[in-house]
C-alpha atoms as a PDB file:
ATOM      1  CA  MET A   1      -3.070   4.000  57.433  1.00  0.00           C
ATOM      2  CA  ASP A   2      -0.405   4.490  59.809  1.00  0.00           C
ATOM      3  CA  ARG A   3       1.278   1.752  61.902  1.00  0.00           C
ATOM      4  CA  ALA A   4      -1.015   2.815  65.388  1.00  0.00           C
ATOM      5  CA  ALA A   5      -4.289   2.267  62.942  1.00  0.00           C
ATOM      6  CA  THR A   6      -2.899  -0.110  61.029  1.00  0.00           C
ATOM      7  CA  GLY A   7      -3.188  -2.093  64.918  1.00  0.00           C
ATOM      8  CA  ARG A   8      -5.883  -0.895  66.274  1.00  0.00           C
ATOM      9  CA  ALA A   9      -7.907  -2.165  62.741  1.00  0.00           C
ATOM     10  CA  GLY A  10      -5.656  -5.698  63.424  1.00  0.00           C
ATOM     11  CA  GLU A  11      -7.183  -6.087  66.938  1.00  0.00           C
ATOM     12  CA  SER A  12     -10.283  -4.914  65.961  1.00  0.00           C
ATOM     13  CA  LEU A  13     -10.534  -7.387  63.808  1.00  0.00           C
ATOM     14  CA  VAL A  14      -9.437  -9.746  66.419  1.00  0.00           C
ATOM     15  CA  ALA A  15     -11.704  -9.366  68.799  1.00  0.00           C
ATOM     16  CA  ALA A  16     -14.927  -9.446  66.443  1.00  0.00           C
ATOM     17  CA  LEU A  17     -13.355 -12.952  65.779  1.00  0.00           C
ATOM     18  CA  LEU A  18     -13.260 -13.035  69.249  1.00  0.00           C
ATOM     19  CA  GLU A  19     -16.342 -12.541  69.949  1.00  0.00           C
ATOM     20  CA  GLU A  20     -18.102 -14.898  67.095  1.00  0.00           C
ATOM     21  CA  ARG A  21     -16.647 -17.533  69.208  1.00  0.00           C
ATOM     22  CA  GLY A  22     -18.553 -16.668  72.188  1.00  0.00           C
ATOM     23  CA  PHE A  23     -15.581 -15.071  74.194  1.00  0.00           C
ATOM     24  CA  SER A  24     -16.693 -11.500  76.386  1.00  0.00           C
ATOM     25  CA  ILE A  25     -14.024  -8.791  75.215  1.00  0.00           C
ATOM     26  CA  LEU A  26     -12.356  -7.300  78.442  1.00  0.00           C
ATOM     27  CA  GLU A  27     -10.077  -5.082  77.362  1.00  0.00           C
ATOM     28  CA  ARG A  28      -8.004  -4.021  74.210  1.00  0.00           C
ATOM     29  CA  ASN A  29      -4.048  -2.604  74.829  1.00  0.00           C
ATOM     30  CA  ALA A  30      -4.719  -2.874  78.446  1.00  0.00           C
ATOM     31  CA  ARG A  31      -1.289  -0.796  80.386  1.00  0.00           C
ATOM     32  CA  VAL A  32       0.283  -3.754  82.508  1.00  0.00           C
ATOM     33  CA  GLY A  33       3.474  -0.969  84.086  1.00  0.00           C
ATOM     34  CA  ARG A  34       5.462  -0.383  80.967  1.00  0.00           C
ATOM     35  CA  LEU A  35       3.805  -4.043  79.491  1.00  0.00           C
ATOM     36  CA  GLU A  36       0.523  -3.967  77.122  1.00  0.00           C
ATOM     37  CA  LEU A  37      -2.119  -6.640  76.102  1.00  0.00           C
ATOM     38  CA  ASP A  38      -3.434  -6.342  72.947  1.00  0.00           C
ATOM     39  CA  VAL A  39      -6.368  -8.295  73.452  1.00  0.00           C
ATOM     40  CA  ILE A  40      -8.189  -9.503  76.406  1.00  0.00           C
ATOM     41  CA  ALA A  41     -11.057 -12.080  76.771  1.00  0.00           C
ATOM     42  CA  LYS A  42     -13.055 -14.385  78.514  1.00  0.00           C
ATOM     43  CA  ARG A  43     -15.152 -17.060  78.055  1.00  0.00           C
ATOM     44  CA  GLY A  44     -16.207 -19.063  80.786  1.00  0.00           C
ATOM     45  CA  THR A  45     -13.649 -19.776  82.803  1.00  0.00           C
ATOM     46  CA  LEU A  46     -10.943 -19.094  79.968  1.00  0.00           C
ATOM     47  CA  LEU A  47      -9.528 -16.301  80.315  1.00  0.00           C
ATOM     48  CA  VAL A  48      -7.246 -15.621  77.473  1.00  0.00           C
ATOM     49  CA  PHE A  49      -4.688 -13.135  76.359  1.00  0.00           C
ATOM     50  CA  VAL A  50      -4.697 -12.729  72.448  1.00  0.00           C
ATOM     51  CA  GLU A  51      -1.059 -10.949  71.291  1.00  0.00           C
ATOM     52  CA  VAL A  52      -2.016  -9.751  67.262  1.00  0.00           C
ATOM     53  CA  ARG A  53       0.244  -8.909  65.306  1.00  0.00           C
ATOM     54  CA  THR A  54      -0.506  -6.964  61.613  1.00  0.00           C
ATOM     55  CA  ARG A  55       1.245  -6.415  58.808  1.00  0.00           C
ATOM     56  CA  THR A  56       0.291  -4.716  55.420  1.00  0.00           C
ATOM     57  CA  SER A  57       2.170  -6.870  53.102  1.00  0.00           C
ATOM     58  CA  ASP A  58       3.186 -10.736  53.313  1.00  0.00           C
ATOM     59  CA  LEU A  59       6.863  -9.644  51.903  1.00  0.00           C
ATOM     60  CA  TYR A  60       8.390 -10.612  55.125  1.00  0.00           C
ATOM     61  CA  GLY A  61       6.668 -13.960  56.607  1.00  0.00           C
ATOM     62  CA  GLY A  62       3.913 -14.008  58.576  1.00  0.00           C
ATOM     63  CA  ALA A  63       3.445 -11.780  61.783  1.00  0.00           C
ATOM     64  CA  GLU A  64       3.057 -14.049  63.978  1.00  0.00           C
ATOM     65  CA  GLU A  65       6.314 -15.279  63.412  1.00  0.00           C
ATOM     66  CA  THR A  66       7.960 -12.319  65.169  1.00  0.00           C
ATOM     67  CA  ILE A  67       6.270 -12.805  68.662  1.00  0.00           C
ATOM     68  CA  ASP A  68      10.170 -14.175  69.720  1.00  0.00           C
ATOM     69  CA  VAL A  69      10.174 -16.031  73.361  1.00  0.00           C
ATOM     70  CA  ALA A  70      11.382 -12.359  74.783  1.00  0.00           C
ATOM     71  CA  LYS A  71       7.931 -11.105  73.744  1.00  0.00           C
ATOM     72  CA  GLN A  72       6.389 -14.034  74.944  1.00  0.00           C
ATOM     73  CA  GLN A  73       8.233 -13.845  78.445  1.00  0.00           C
ATOM     74  CA  ARG A  74       7.035 -10.074  78.304  1.00  0.00           C
ATOM     75  CA  ILE A  75       3.531 -11.320  77.294  1.00  0.00           C
ATOM     76  CA  ARG A  76       2.838 -13.716  79.971  1.00  0.00           C
ATOM     77  CA  ARG A  77       4.466 -11.396  82.771  1.00  0.00           C
ATOM     78  CA  ALA A  78       2.005  -8.599  81.461  1.00  0.00           C
ATOM     79  CA  ALA A  79      -0.632 -10.857  82.407  1.00  0.00           C
ATOM     80  CA  ALA A  80       0.661 -12.140  85.278  1.00  0.00           C
ATOM     81  CA  GLY A  81      -0.127  -8.549  86.304  1.00  0.00           C
ATOM     82  CA  TRP A  82      -2.721  -7.917  84.959  1.00  0.00           C
ATOM     83  CA  VAL A  83      -5.070 -10.850  86.681  1.00  0.00           C
ATOM     84  CA  LYS A  84      -3.679  -9.863  90.389  1.00  0.00           C
ATOM     85  CA  ALA A  85      -4.190  -6.238  89.747  1.00  0.00           C
ATOM     86  CA  ASN A  86      -8.249  -8.297  89.187  1.00  0.00           C
ATOM     87  CA  PRO A  87      -8.747 -10.567  91.186  1.00  0.00           C
ATOM     88  CA  ALA A  88     -12.326 -11.425  90.537  1.00  0.00           C
ATOM     89  CA  TYR A  89     -10.305 -13.385  87.997  1.00  0.00           C
ATOM     90  CA  ARG A  90      -8.276 -15.139  89.372  1.00  0.00           C
ATOM     91  CA  ARG A  91     -10.049 -18.749  89.809  1.00  0.00           C
ATOM     92  CA  CYS A  92      -9.593 -18.508  85.303  1.00  0.00           C
ATOM     93  CA  ARG A  93      -7.977 -21.030  83.383  1.00  0.00           C
ATOM     94  CA  MET A  94      -5.556 -18.683  81.360  1.00  0.00           C
ATOM     95  CA  ARG A  95      -4.028 -19.140  77.955  1.00  0.00           C
ATOM     96  CA  PHE A  96      -2.105 -17.425  75.471  1.00  0.00           C
ATOM     97  CA  ASP A  97      -2.927 -16.668  71.788  1.00  0.00           C
ATOM     98  CA  ALA A  98      -1.217 -15.298  68.957  1.00  0.00           C
ATOM     99  CA  ALA A  99      -3.012 -14.240  65.956  1.00  0.00           C
ATOM    100  CA  GLY A 100      -1.565 -12.794  62.797  1.00  0.00           C
ATOM    101  CA  VAL A 101      -3.481  -9.713  60.053  1.00  0.00           C
ATOM    102  CA  LEU A 102      -2.754  -9.007  57.357  1.00  0.00           C
ATOM    103  CA  LEU A 103      -4.579  -6.209  55.826  1.00  0.00           C
ATOM    104  CA  MET A 104      -3.262  -5.196  51.775  1.00  0.00           C
ATOM    105  CA  ARG A 105      -5.093  -2.294  50.173  1.00  0.00           C
ATOM    106  CA  GLY A 106      -7.694  -3.046  47.459  1.00  0.00           C
ATOM    107  CA  LYS A 107      -7.754  -7.251  49.046  1.00  0.00           C
ATOM    108  CA  GLU A 108      -9.961  -8.980  51.822  1.00  0.00           C
ATOM    109  CA  PRO A 109      -8.592  -9.153  55.559  1.00  0.00           C
ATOM    110  CA  VAL A 110      -6.761 -12.268  56.095  1.00  0.00           C
ATOM    111  CA  VAL A 111      -6.434 -13.615  60.012  1.00  0.00           C
ATOM    112  CA  ASP A 112      -4.529 -16.376  61.098  1.00  0.00           C
ATOM    113  CA  TYR A 113      -5.615 -17.180  64.358  1.00  0.00           C
ATOM    114  CA  TYR A 114      -4.166 -19.393  67.097  1.00  0.00           C
ATOM    115  CA  PRO A 115      -5.356 -20.513  70.136  1.00  0.00           C
ATOM    116  CA  ASP A 116      -2.743 -21.989  72.497  1.00  0.00           C
ATOM    117  CA  ALA A 117       0.436 -20.056  70.992  1.00  0.00           C
ATOM    118  CA  PHE A 118       2.729 -19.833  73.490  1.00  0.00           C
END
């Protein structure tokens, strides 16, 4: 599986997890200028922006550990731009979550989900 396919597989698992938890998926891979938001979900008045990191090995630590301060700032900027372009969601409470997905050949996928990660 190539890198893009691996990322899409991880995002699909996270989207399914959110739907199981009562969220509606508004968008996946939403572009805001040159920035991208992996998953945008809503439940009630809560709007969640999820950064998904998918790996095929756990040799170098968890995928979620790669979401540094600079990446967090880019996600926040993208979320603000997305809400500005989608005014129906301006009154929603926003939350930034992270998910680390481990896809190892021959094993069940593992999703570590971190609500309110940053």
